[in-house]
């Protein structure tokens, strides 16, 4: 018999529509434990997410599984407080969650060849690129990422709209957008693993590091690790292809702080010290984010394999 676990604390920023299911998906990172002590990551479990209930409980979960559950609570950690809400928000923006279980990518630069070639062929349909053309383009890009130029050649190619386009800036919906988690950047025996990586046309152009809220040293500690990694020449390919980095602990900015301790910050790559910048809201802007966000129910469909 399956018992329903009690979930007492969940911070995913979803609108409060009592009783309406958002999505059903596998959640390997939620720290449930079975009666035998096994992690939920090793059990076949699906979870239906319901936004806040009138009872005051912010989130209610129903688990369906072939194992019994003990009563437990969702841990206060990076996954529950920042990572999963971030992924859900990205899916609402139009990204598709991609599981790495069956995916294929080039481990020297983390480009996903199949997505890359399909995307480039689609956005350059007028050029009628053959399979050999796409392979040569892939090889040229891979070679350019080995330069000691902080990705200058690759960046110029990324922006170039005169020949084969890597991104369609005119018809942006013509591009492919995917989000993956824990994509390892590895060379020989050294590696690092960003929490979230964003793929545009199969190219890993952005990564996001998430930190637990109220961890005063979280963002600065991660920034120090980035400084050391980016000075390591073994990671040149990954530094050169990355266009943007984001660090967040899902908290409000401390306007009076001299250090970036709380909030969401962005940076571009460097072979030395990386400088963080604030995201600022334009109070006079009429931009309405809700107009471009997908409904939560629709966004949740892309998380079915998460």
C-alpha atoms as a PDB file:
ATOM      1  CA  UNK A   1       0.000   0.000   0.000  1.00  0.00           C
ATOM      2  CA  UNK A   2       1.321   3.449  -0.900  1.00  0.00           C
ATOM      3  CA  UNK A   3       1.226   6.095   1.773  1.00  0.00           C
ATOM      4  CA  UNK A   4       0.983   9.770   0.980  1.00  0.00           C
ATOM      5  CA  UNK A   5       3.961  11.795   2.257  1.00  0.00           C
ATOM      6  CA  UNK A   6       3.333  15.061   4.030  1.00  0.00           C
ATOM      7  CA  UNK A   7       4.995  18.034   2.383  1.00  0.00           C
ATOM      8  CA  UNK A   8       5.150  20.933   4.792  1.00  0.00           C
ATOM      9  CA  UNK A   9       7.419  23.403   3.100  1.00  0.00           C
ATOM     10  CA  UNK A  10       7.972  24.141  -0.599  1.00  0.00           C
ATOM     11  CA  UNK A  11       9.077  27.440  -2.095  1.00  0.00           C
ATOM     12  CA  UNK A  12       8.399  27.019  -5.814  1.00  0.00           C
ATOM     13  CA  UNK A  13       6.937  30.409  -6.845  1.00  0.00           C
ATOM     14  CA  UNK A  14       3.670  29.237  -8.399  1.00  0.00           C
ATOM     15  CA  UNK A  15       0.384  31.149  -8.414  1.00  0.00           C
ATOM     16  CA  UNK A  16      -2.086  30.086  -5.779  1.00  0.00           C
ATOM     17  CA  UNK A  17      -4.794  28.196  -7.655  1.00  0.00           C
ATOM     18  CA  UNK A  18      -6.042  25.640  -5.120  1.00  0.00           C
ATOM     19  CA  UNK A  19      -6.702  22.141  -6.326  1.00  0.00           C
ATOM     20  CA  UNK A  20      -5.412  22.478  -9.880  1.00  0.00           C
ATOM     21  CA  UNK A  21      -2.583  20.119 -10.853  1.00  0.00           C
ATOM     22  CA  UNK A  22       0.423  21.719 -12.501  1.00  0.00           C
ATOM     23  CA  UNK A  23       2.403  18.744 -13.768  1.00  0.00           C
ATOM     24  CA  UNK A  24       3.256  15.165 -13.042  1.00  0.00           C
ATOM     25  CA  UNK A  25       6.927  14.298 -13.327  1.00  0.00           C
ATOM     26  CA  UNK A  26       9.803  12.327 -11.881  1.00  0.00           C
ATOM     27  CA  UNK A  27      11.680  14.395  -9.324  1.00  0.00           C
ATOM     28  CA  UNK A  28      14.967  12.650  -8.481  1.00  0.00           C
ATOM     29  CA  UNK A  29      16.282  15.549  -6.406  1.00  0.00           C
ATOM     30  CA  UNK A  30      13.427  15.790  -3.909  1.00  0.00           C
ATOM     31  CA  UNK A  31      14.870  14.221  -0.736  1.00  0.00           C
ATOM     32  CA  UNK A  32      12.218  11.644   0.075  1.00  0.00           C
ATOM     33  CA  UNK A  33      13.344   8.421   1.731  1.00  0.00           C
ATOM     34  CA  UNK A  34      11.612   5.058   1.627  1.00  0.00           C
ATOM     35  CA  UNK A  35      11.042   2.960   4.716  1.00  0.00           C
ATOM     36  CA  UNK A  36      14.136   0.984   3.789  1.00  0.00           C
ATOM     37  CA  UNK A  37      16.169   4.170   3.621  1.00  0.00           C
ATOM     38  CA  UNK A  38      16.535   4.189  -0.166  1.00  0.00           C
ATOM     39  CA  UNK A  39      16.625   7.562  -1.852  1.00  0.00           C
ATOM     40  CA  UNK A  40      13.718   8.407  -4.080  1.00  0.00           C
ATOM     41  CA  UNK A  41      16.285   8.798  -6.861  1.00  0.00           C
ATOM     42  CA  UNK A  42      16.460   4.998  -6.984  1.00  0.00           C
ATOM     43  CA  UNK A  43      12.714   4.433  -6.969  1.00  0.00           C
ATOM     44  CA  UNK A  44      10.230   4.820  -9.801  1.00  0.00           C
ATOM     45  CA  UNK A  45       8.114   7.674  -8.518  1.00  0.00           C
ATOM     46  CA  UNK A  46       5.895  10.222 -10.179  1.00  0.00           C
ATOM     47  CA  UNK A  47       4.775  13.337  -8.372  1.00  0.00           C
ATOM     48  CA  UNK A  48       1.807  15.548  -9.096  1.00  0.00           C
ATOM     49  CA  UNK A  49       2.339  19.161  -8.079  1.00  0.00           C
ATOM     50  CA  UNK A  50      -0.570  21.195  -6.792  1.00  0.00           C
ATOM     51  CA  UNK A  51      -0.261  24.939  -6.161  1.00  0.00           C
ATOM     52  CA  UNK A  52      -1.145  26.347  -2.749  1.00  0.00           C
ATOM     53  CA  UNK A  53      -4.161  25.111  -0.861  1.00  0.00           C
ATOM     54  CA  UNK A  54      -6.563  27.226   1.159  1.00  0.00           C
ATOM     55  CA  UNK A  55      -5.465  25.290   4.210  1.00  0.00           C
ATOM     56  CA  UNK A  56      -2.313  27.423   4.334  1.00  0.00           C
ATOM     57  CA  UNK A  57      -0.022  24.592   3.261  1.00  0.00           C
ATOM     58  CA  UNK A  58       1.908  26.238   0.380  1.00  0.00           C
ATOM     59  CA  UNK A  59       2.271  23.079  -1.684  1.00  0.00           C
ATOM     60  CA  UNK A  60       0.747  19.632  -1.671  1.00  0.00           C
ATOM     61  CA  UNK A  61       2.291  16.575  -3.326  1.00  0.00           C
ATOM     62  CA  UNK A  62       0.824  13.225  -4.176  1.00  0.00           C
ATOM     63  CA  UNK A  63       3.317  10.433  -4.812  1.00  0.00           C
ATOM     64  CA  UNK A  64       2.475   7.261  -6.680  1.00  0.00           C
ATOM     65  CA  UNK A  65       5.006   4.481  -6.295  1.00  0.00           C
ATOM     66  CA  UNK A  66       5.587   0.822  -5.693  1.00  0.00           C
ATOM     67  CA  UNK A  67       7.340   1.604  -2.409  1.00  0.00           C
ATOM     68  CA  UNK A  68       6.125   2.836   0.938  1.00  0.00           C
ATOM     69  CA  UNK A  69       7.008   6.282   2.181  1.00  0.00           C
ATOM     70  CA  UNK A  70       7.689   7.648   5.615  1.00  0.00           C
ATOM     71  CA  UNK A  71       6.331  11.027   6.520  1.00  0.00           C
ATOM     72  CA  UNK A  72       8.899  13.630   5.597  1.00  0.00           C
ATOM     73  CA  UNK A  73       9.393  17.233   4.538  1.00  0.00           C
ATOM     74  CA  UNK A  74      11.095  18.766   1.528  1.00  0.00           C
ATOM     75  CA  UNK A  75      14.554  19.925   2.529  1.00  0.00           C
ATOM     76  CA  UNK A  76      15.514  23.571   2.546  1.00  0.00           C
ATOM     77  CA  UNK A  77      18.248  23.377  -0.103  1.00  0.00           C
ATOM     78  CA  UNK A  78      19.411  24.703  -3.462  1.00  0.00           C
ATOM     79  CA  UNK A  79      17.233  22.304  -5.437  1.00  0.00           C
ATOM     80  CA  UNK A  80      13.925  22.992  -3.717  1.00  0.00           C
ATOM     81  CA  UNK A  81      14.391  26.732  -3.208  1.00  0.00           C
ATOM     82  CA  UNK A  82      16.176  27.886  -6.354  1.00  0.00           C
ATOM     83  CA  UNK A  83      17.004  25.203  -8.914  1.00  0.00           C
ATOM     84  CA  UNK A  84      13.579  23.706  -9.607  1.00  0.00           C
ATOM     85  CA  UNK A  85      11.783  27.095  -9.551  1.00  0.00           C
ATOM     86  CA  UNK A  86      14.417  28.383 -12.006  1.00  0.00           C
ATOM     87  CA  UNK A  87      13.915  25.466 -14.388  1.00  0.00           C
ATOM     88  CA  UNK A  88      10.148  25.859 -14.246  1.00  0.00           C
ATOM     89  CA  UNK A  89      10.468  29.577 -15.006  1.00  0.00           C
ATOM     90  CA  UNK A  90      12.767  28.831 -17.954  1.00  0.00           C
ATOM     91  CA  UNK A  91      10.197  26.392 -19.318  1.00  0.00           C
ATOM     92  CA  UNK A  92       7.572  29.129 -19.038  1.00  0.00           C
ATOM     93  CA  UNK A  93       9.890  31.336 -21.095  1.00  0.00           C
ATOM     94  CA  UNK A  94       9.944  28.721 -23.847  1.00  0.00           C
ATOM     95  CA  UNK A  95      12.862  26.453 -22.984  1.00  0.00           C
ATOM     96  CA  UNK A  96      12.412  22.691 -23.196  1.00  0.00           C
ATOM     97  CA  UNK A  97      13.868  20.526 -20.461  1.00  0.00           C
ATOM     98  CA  UNK A  98      16.281  17.943 -21.887  1.00  0.00           C
ATOM     99  CA  UNK A  99      17.271  14.892 -19.889  1.00  0.00           C
ATOM    100  CA  UNK A 100      20.903  13.853 -20.242  1.00  0.00           C
ATOM    101  CA  UNK A 101      20.056  10.165 -19.847  1.00  0.00           C
ATOM    102  CA  UNK A 102      19.844   9.472 -23.576  1.00  0.00           C
ATOM    103  CA  UNK A 103      21.268  12.708 -24.963  1.00  0.00           C
ATOM    104  CA  UNK A 104      24.529  12.879 -26.917  1.00  0.00           C
ATOM    105  CA  UNK A 105      26.982  15.746 -26.773  1.00  0.00           C
ATOM    106  CA  UNK A 106      30.603  16.488 -27.631  1.00  0.00           C
ATOM    107  CA  UNK A 107      32.409  16.334 -24.304  1.00  0.00           C
ATOM    108  CA  UNK A 108      35.245  18.578 -25.531  1.00  0.00           C
ATOM    109  CA  UNK A 109      32.913  21.590 -25.779  1.00  0.00           C
ATOM    110  CA  UNK A 110      29.459  20.340 -24.635  1.00  0.00           C
ATOM    111  CA  UNK A 111      27.771  21.128 -27.953  1.00  0.00           C
ATOM    112  CA  UNK A 112      24.898  18.765 -28.753  1.00  0.00           C
ATOM    113  CA  UNK A 113      25.644  17.807 -32.406  1.00  0.00           C
ATOM    114  CA  UNK A 114      22.206  16.494 -33.367  1.00  0.00           C
ATOM    115  CA  UNK A 115      20.364  19.546 -32.021  1.00  0.00           C
ATOM    116  CA  UNK A 116      23.032  21.839 -33.487  1.00  0.00           C
ATOM    117  CA  UNK A 117      22.873  20.396 -36.997  1.00  0.00           C
ATOM    118  CA  UNK A 118      19.082  20.201 -37.074  1.00  0.00           C
ATOM    119  CA  UNK A 119      18.784  23.796 -35.845  1.00  0.00           C
ATOM    120  CA  UNK A 120      21.396  25.214 -38.221  1.00  0.00           C
ATOM    121  CA  UNK A 121      19.794  23.411 -41.148  1.00  0.00           C
ATOM    122  CA  UNK A 122      16.376  24.818 -40.233  1.00  0.00           C
ATOM    123  CA  UNK A 123      17.362  28.456 -39.741  1.00  0.00           C
ATOM    124  CA  UNK A 124      19.498  28.362 -42.906  1.00  0.00           C
ATOM    125  CA  UNK A 125      16.975  26.485 -45.033  1.00  0.00           C
ATOM    126  CA  UNK A 126      17.548  28.904 -47.907  1.00  0.00           C
ATOM    127  CA  UNK A 127      21.177  27.725 -48.153  1.00  0.00           C
ATOM    128  CA  UNK A 128      20.193  24.042 -48.481  1.00  0.00           C
ATOM    129  CA  UNK A 129      23.127  22.845 -46.375  1.00  0.00           C
ATOM    130  CA  UNK A 130      24.169  19.235 -46.911  1.00  0.00           C
ATOM    131  CA  UNK A 131      25.196  16.881 -44.103  1.00  0.00           C
ATOM    132  CA  UNK A 132      28.853  17.414 -45.013  1.00  0.00           C
ATOM    133  CA  UNK A 133      28.434  21.202 -44.759  1.00  0.00           C
ATOM    134  CA  UNK A 134      26.978  20.896 -41.269  1.00  0.00           C
ATOM    135  CA  UNK A 135      29.764  18.593 -40.139  1.00  0.00           C
ATOM    136  CA  UNK A 136      32.426  20.976 -41.453  1.00  0.00           C
ATOM    137  CA  UNK A 137      30.736  23.905 -39.704  1.00  0.00           C
ATOM    138  CA  UNK A 138      30.648  21.951 -36.454  1.00  0.00           C
ATOM    139  CA  UNK A 139      34.354  21.121 -36.778  1.00  0.00           C
ATOM    140  CA  UNK A 140      35.225  24.764 -37.532  1.00  0.00           C
ATOM    141  CA  UNK A 141      33.423  25.945 -34.417  1.00  0.00           C
ATOM    142  CA  UNK A 142      35.017  23.250 -32.281  1.00  0.00           C
ATOM    143  CA  UNK A 143      38.457  24.309 -33.546  1.00  0.00           C
ATOM    144  CA  UNK A 144      37.790  28.003 -32.883  1.00  0.00           C
ATOM    145  CA  UNK A 145      36.936  27.244 -29.260  1.00  0.00           C
ATOM    146  CA  UNK A 146      40.517  26.093 -28.680  1.00  0.00           C
ATOM    147  CA  UNK A 147      41.860  29.603 -29.349  1.00  0.00           C
ATOM    148  CA  UNK A 148      43.412  31.736 -26.613  1.00  0.00           C
ATOM    149  CA  UNK A 149      41.091  34.614 -27.495  1.00  0.00           C
ATOM    150  CA  UNK A 150      38.387  34.365 -24.817  1.00  0.00           C
ATOM    151  CA  UNK A 151      36.011  33.140 -27.526  1.00  0.00           C
ATOM    152  CA  UNK A 152      36.374  36.206 -29.770  1.00  0.00           C
ATOM    153  CA  UNK A 153      36.277  34.280 -33.054  1.00  0.00           C
ATOM    154  CA  UNK A 154      33.346  32.190 -31.889  1.00  0.00           C
ATOM    155  CA  UNK A 155      31.473  35.273 -30.641  1.00  0.00           C
ATOM    156  CA  UNK A 156      31.903  36.999 -33.989  1.00  0.00           C
ATOM    157  CA  UNK A 157      30.580  33.921 -35.771  1.00  0.00           C
ATOM    158  CA  UNK A 158      27.685  33.771 -33.333  1.00  0.00           C
ATOM    159  CA  UNK A 159      26.613  37.304 -34.275  1.00  0.00           C
ATOM    160  CA  UNK A 160      27.314  37.044 -38.012  1.00  0.00           C
ATOM    161  CA  UNK A 161      24.120  37.087 -40.071  1.00  0.00           C
ATOM    162  CA  UNK A 162      25.730  37.377 -43.508  1.00  0.00           C
ATOM    163  CA  UNK A 163      26.529  33.713 -44.110  1.00  0.00           C
ATOM    164  CA  UNK A 164      25.538  30.574 -42.269  1.00  0.00           C
ATOM    165  CA  UNK A 165      23.739  31.809 -39.177  1.00  0.00           C
ATOM    166  CA  UNK A 166      24.268  30.125 -35.824  1.00  0.00           C
ATOM    167  CA  UNK A 167      21.353  32.060 -34.311  1.00  0.00           C
ATOM    168  CA  UNK A 168      18.361  33.513 -36.115  1.00  0.00           C
ATOM    169  CA  UNK A 169      18.054  36.983 -34.595  1.00  0.00           C
ATOM    170  CA  UNK A 170      15.355  38.084 -37.038  1.00  0.00           C
ATOM    171  CA  UNK A 171      12.923  35.253 -36.332  1.00  0.00           C
ATOM    172  CA  UNK A 172      13.897  34.285 -32.822  1.00  0.00           C
ATOM    173  CA  UNK A 173      11.298  31.544 -32.454  1.00  0.00           C
ATOM    174  CA  UNK A 174      13.104  29.760 -35.264  1.00  0.00           C
ATOM    175  CA  UNK A 175      15.845  28.788 -32.812  1.00  0.00           C
ATOM    176  CA  UNK A 176      15.930  25.806 -30.444  1.00  0.00           C
ATOM    177  CA  UNK A 177      16.009  26.414 -26.685  1.00  0.00           C
ATOM    178  CA  UNK A 178      16.815  23.677 -24.166  1.00  0.00           C
ATOM    179  CA  UNK A 179      17.702  23.575 -20.479  1.00  0.00           C
ATOM    180  CA  UNK A 180      19.806  20.792 -18.957  1.00  0.00           C
ATOM    181  CA  UNK A 181      21.098  20.182 -15.448  1.00  0.00           C
ATOM    182  CA  UNK A 182      24.448  18.979 -14.137  1.00  0.00           C
ATOM    183  CA  UNK A 183      26.198  19.049 -17.531  1.00  0.00           C
ATOM    184  CA  UNK A 184      29.835  18.292 -16.723  1.00  0.00           C
ATOM    185  CA  UNK A 185      32.656  20.405 -18.151  1.00  0.00           C
ATOM    186  CA  UNK A 186      35.585  17.997 -18.175  1.00  0.00           C
ATOM    187  CA  UNK A 187      39.121  17.811 -19.528  1.00  0.00           C
ATOM    188  CA  UNK A 188      41.357  14.911 -18.479  1.00  0.00           C
ATOM    189  CA  UNK A 189      40.893  14.428 -14.738  1.00  0.00           C
ATOM    190  CA  UNK A 190      39.604  17.921 -13.968  1.00  0.00           C
ATOM    191  CA  UNK A 191      35.974  18.944 -14.147  1.00  0.00           C
ATOM    192  CA  UNK A 192      33.236  21.217 -12.871  1.00  0.00           C
ATOM    193  CA  UNK A 193      29.499  20.898 -13.183  1.00  0.00           C
ATOM    194  CA  UNK A 194      27.208  23.959 -13.454  1.00  0.00           C
ATOM    195  CA  UNK A 195      23.798  23.507 -11.891  1.00  0.00           C
ATOM    196  CA  UNK A 196      21.856  24.579 -14.986  1.00  0.00           C
ATOM    197  CA  UNK A 197      23.021  25.018 -18.584  1.00  0.00           C
ATOM    198  CA  UNK A 198      21.044  26.731 -21.340  1.00  0.00           C
ATOM    199  CA  UNK A 199      21.429  25.484 -24.900  1.00  0.00           C
ATOM    200  CA  UNK A 200      20.612  27.675 -27.865  1.00  0.00           C
ATOM    201  CA  UNK A 201      20.612  25.634 -31.066  1.00  0.00           C
ATOM    202  CA  UNK A 202      22.487  22.948 -29.174  1.00  0.00           C
ATOM    203  CA  UNK A 203      25.278  25.277 -28.021  1.00  0.00           C
ATOM    204  CA  UNK A 204      25.829  25.752 -24.249  1.00  0.00           C
ATOM    205  CA  UNK A 205      25.873  29.548 -24.185  1.00  0.00           C
ATOM    206  CA  UNK A 206      24.693  30.211 -20.621  1.00  0.00           C
ATOM    207  CA  UNK A 207      25.083  28.502 -17.278  1.00  0.00           C
ATOM    208  CA  UNK A 208      23.408  29.215 -13.965  1.00  0.00           C
ATOM    209  CA  UNK A 209      24.759  28.504 -10.491  1.00  0.00           C
ATOM    210  CA  UNK A 210      22.153  28.392  -7.739  1.00  0.00           C
ATOM    211  CA  UNK A 211      22.785  28.775  -4.036  1.00  0.00           C
ATOM    212  CA  UNK A 212      20.640  28.139  -0.992  1.00  0.00           C
ATOM    213  CA  UNK A 213      18.910  31.259   0.365  1.00  0.00           C
ATOM    214  CA  UNK A 214      20.382  32.843   3.490  1.00  0.00           C
ATOM    215  CA  UNK A 215      23.777  31.337   2.773  1.00  0.00           C
ATOM    216  CA  UNK A 216      25.862  34.479   3.104  1.00  0.00           C
ATOM    217  CA  UNK A 217      28.971  32.960   1.564  1.00  0.00           C
ATOM    218  CA  UNK A 218      27.280  30.950  -1.208  1.00  0.00           C
ATOM    219  CA  UNK A 219      27.556  33.289  -4.190  1.00  0.00           C
ATOM    220  CA  UNK A 220      30.984  34.647  -3.263  1.00  0.00           C
ATOM    221  CA  UNK A 221      32.339  31.143  -2.671  1.00  0.00           C
ATOM    222  CA  UNK A 222      31.064  30.037  -6.090  1.00  0.00           C
ATOM    223  CA  UNK A 223      32.575  33.136  -7.685  1.00  0.00           C
ATOM    224  CA  UNK A 224      35.964  32.299  -6.181  1.00  0.00           C
ATOM    225  CA  UNK A 225      35.723  28.787  -7.616  1.00  0.00           C
ATOM    226  CA  UNK A 226      34.899  30.246 -11.029  1.00  0.00           C
ATOM    227  CA  UNK A 227      38.002  32.450 -10.845  1.00  0.00           C
ATOM    228  CA  UNK A 228      40.205  29.409 -10.316  1.00  0.00           C
ATOM    229  CA  UNK A 229      38.490  27.301 -12.958  1.00  0.00           C
ATOM    230  CA  UNK A 230      38.660  29.933 -15.646  1.00  0.00           C
ATOM    231  CA  UNK A 231      42.394  30.391 -15.136  1.00  0.00           C
ATOM    232  CA  UNK A 232      42.812  26.686 -15.860  1.00  0.00           C
ATOM    233  CA  UNK A 233      43.682  26.244 -19.535  1.00  0.00           C
ATOM    234  CA  UNK A 234      42.067  22.819 -19.545  1.00  0.00           C
ATOM    235  CA  UNK A 235      38.698  24.571 -19.418  1.00  0.00           C
ATOM    236  CA  UNK A 236      39.396  26.975 -22.317  1.00  0.00           C
ATOM    237  CA  UNK A 237      36.766  25.452 -24.627  1.00  0.00           C
ATOM    238  CA  UNK A 238      34.040  25.839 -22.017  1.00  0.00           C
ATOM    239  CA  UNK A 239      35.084  29.381 -21.114  1.00  0.00           C
ATOM    240  CA  UNK A 240      35.235  30.421 -24.774  1.00  0.00           C
ATOM    241  CA  UNK A 241      31.773  29.145 -25.645  1.00  0.00           C
ATOM    242  CA  UNK A 242      30.018  30.568 -22.565  1.00  0.00           C
ATOM    243  CA  UNK A 243      28.420  33.948 -23.254  1.00  0.00           C
ATOM    244  CA  UNK A 244      26.726  34.587 -19.930  1.00  0.00           C
ATOM    245  CA  UNK A 245      26.833  33.283 -16.359  1.00  0.00           C
ATOM    246  CA  UNK A 246      24.151  33.793 -13.720  1.00  0.00           C
ATOM    247  CA  UNK A 247      24.478  33.359  -9.954  1.00  0.00           C
ATOM    248  CA  UNK A 248      21.355  33.388  -7.793  1.00  0.00           C
ATOM    249  CA  UNK A 249      20.107  32.502  -4.330  1.00  0.00           C
ATOM    250  CA  UNK A 250      16.547  33.672  -5.094  1.00  0.00           C
ATOM    251  CA  UNK A 251      16.616  36.501  -2.579  1.00  0.00           C
ATOM    252  CA  UNK A 252      16.109  40.239  -2.657  1.00  0.00           C
ATOM    253  CA  UNK A 253      19.155  42.424  -3.255  1.00  0.00           C
ATOM    254  CA  UNK A 254      20.912  44.003  -0.320  1.00  0.00           C
ATOM    255  CA  UNK A 255      21.258  47.499  -1.733  1.00  0.00           C
ATOM    256  CA  UNK A 256      23.611  48.632   1.016  1.00  0.00           C
ATOM    257  CA  UNK A 257      25.983  45.666   0.703  1.00  0.00           C
ATOM    258  CA  UNK A 258      29.440  46.170  -0.811  1.00  0.00           C
ATOM    259  CA  UNK A 259      29.563  42.497  -1.827  1.00  0.00           C
ATOM    260  CA  UNK A 260      27.210  40.428  -3.948  1.00  0.00           C
ATOM    261  CA  UNK A 261      25.699  38.285  -1.205  1.00  0.00           C
ATOM    262  CA  UNK A 262      21.991  38.075  -1.977  1.00  0.00           C
ATOM    263  CA  UNK A 263      20.041  38.302  -5.216  1.00  0.00           C
ATOM    264  CA  UNK A 264      20.643  37.317  -8.834  1.00  0.00           C
ATOM    265  CA  UNK A 265      23.797  38.444 -10.616  1.00  0.00           C
ATOM    266  CA  UNK A 266      25.218  38.005 -14.089  1.00  0.00           C
ATOM    267  CA  UNK A 267      28.706  38.043 -15.560  1.00  0.00           C
ATOM    268  CA  UNK A 268      30.603  37.390 -18.751  1.00  0.00           C
ATOM    269  CA  UNK A 269      33.620  35.121 -18.875  1.00  0.00           C
ATOM    270  CA  UNK A 270      37.243  36.054 -18.234  1.00  0.00           C
ATOM    271  CA  UNK A 271      40.520  34.192 -17.993  1.00  0.00           C
ATOM    272  CA  UNK A 272      41.118  35.967 -14.719  1.00  0.00           C
ATOM    273  CA  UNK A 273      38.743  37.694 -12.322  1.00  0.00           C
ATOM    274  CA  UNK A 274      35.038  37.606 -13.147  1.00  0.00           C
ATOM    275  CA  UNK A 275      32.962  40.664 -12.201  1.00  0.00           C
ATOM    276  CA  UNK A 276      29.332  40.336 -11.165  1.00  0.00           C
ATOM    277  CA  UNK A 277      26.620  42.765 -12.220  1.00  0.00           C
ATOM    278  CA  UNK A 278      23.116  43.417 -10.925  1.00  0.00           C
ATOM    279  CA  UNK A 279      19.882  42.839 -12.787  1.00  0.00           C
ATOM    280  CA  UNK A 280      18.003  46.130 -12.656  1.00  0.00           C
ATOM    281  CA  UNK A 281      14.319  46.719 -13.277  1.00  0.00           C
ATOM    282  CA  UNK A 282      13.348  49.718 -15.381  1.00  0.00           C
ATOM    283  CA  UNK A 283      10.543  51.238 -13.333  1.00  0.00           C
ATOM    284  CA  UNK A 284       9.355  53.311 -16.280  1.00  0.00           C
ATOM    285  CA  UNK A 285       9.181  50.364 -18.648  1.00  0.00           C
ATOM    286  CA  UNK A 286       5.808  49.012 -19.767  1.00  0.00           C
ATOM    287  CA  UNK A 287       7.266  45.564 -20.363  1.00  0.00           C
ATOM    288  CA  UNK A 288       4.922  42.881 -19.061  1.00  0.00           C
ATOM    289  CA  UNK A 289       6.715  39.588 -18.438  1.00  0.00           C
ATOM    290  CA  UNK A 290       3.420  37.754 -18.039  1.00  0.00           C
ATOM    291  CA  UNK A 291       2.646  38.327 -21.716  1.00  0.00           C
ATOM    292  CA  UNK A 292       5.512  36.071 -22.811  1.00  0.00           C
ATOM    293  CA  UNK A 293       5.331  33.448 -20.062  1.00  0.00           C
ATOM    294  CA  UNK A 294       3.643  30.164 -20.859  1.00  0.00           C
ATOM    295  CA  UNK A 295       0.946  28.979 -18.441  1.00  0.00           C
ATOM    296  CA  UNK A 296       2.398  26.830 -15.674  1.00  0.00           C
ATOM    297  CA  UNK A 297       0.387  23.808 -16.779  1.00  0.00           C
ATOM    298  CA  UNK A 298       1.845  24.037 -20.270  1.00  0.00           C
ATOM    299  CA  UNK A 299       5.402  24.633 -19.036  1.00  0.00           C
ATOM    300  CA  UNK A 300       5.129  21.660 -16.695  1.00  0.00           C
ATOM    301  CA  UNK A 301       4.665  19.296 -19.640  1.00  0.00           C
ATOM    302  CA  UNK A 302       8.296  19.741 -20.656  1.00  0.00           C
ATOM    303  CA  UNK A 303       9.355  18.638 -17.169  1.00  0.00           C
ATOM    304  CA  UNK A 304       7.842  15.179 -17.429  1.00  0.00           C
ATOM    305  CA  UNK A 305      11.293  13.625 -17.797  1.00  0.00           C
ATOM    306  CA  UNK A 306      12.905  15.700 -15.030  1.00  0.00           C
END
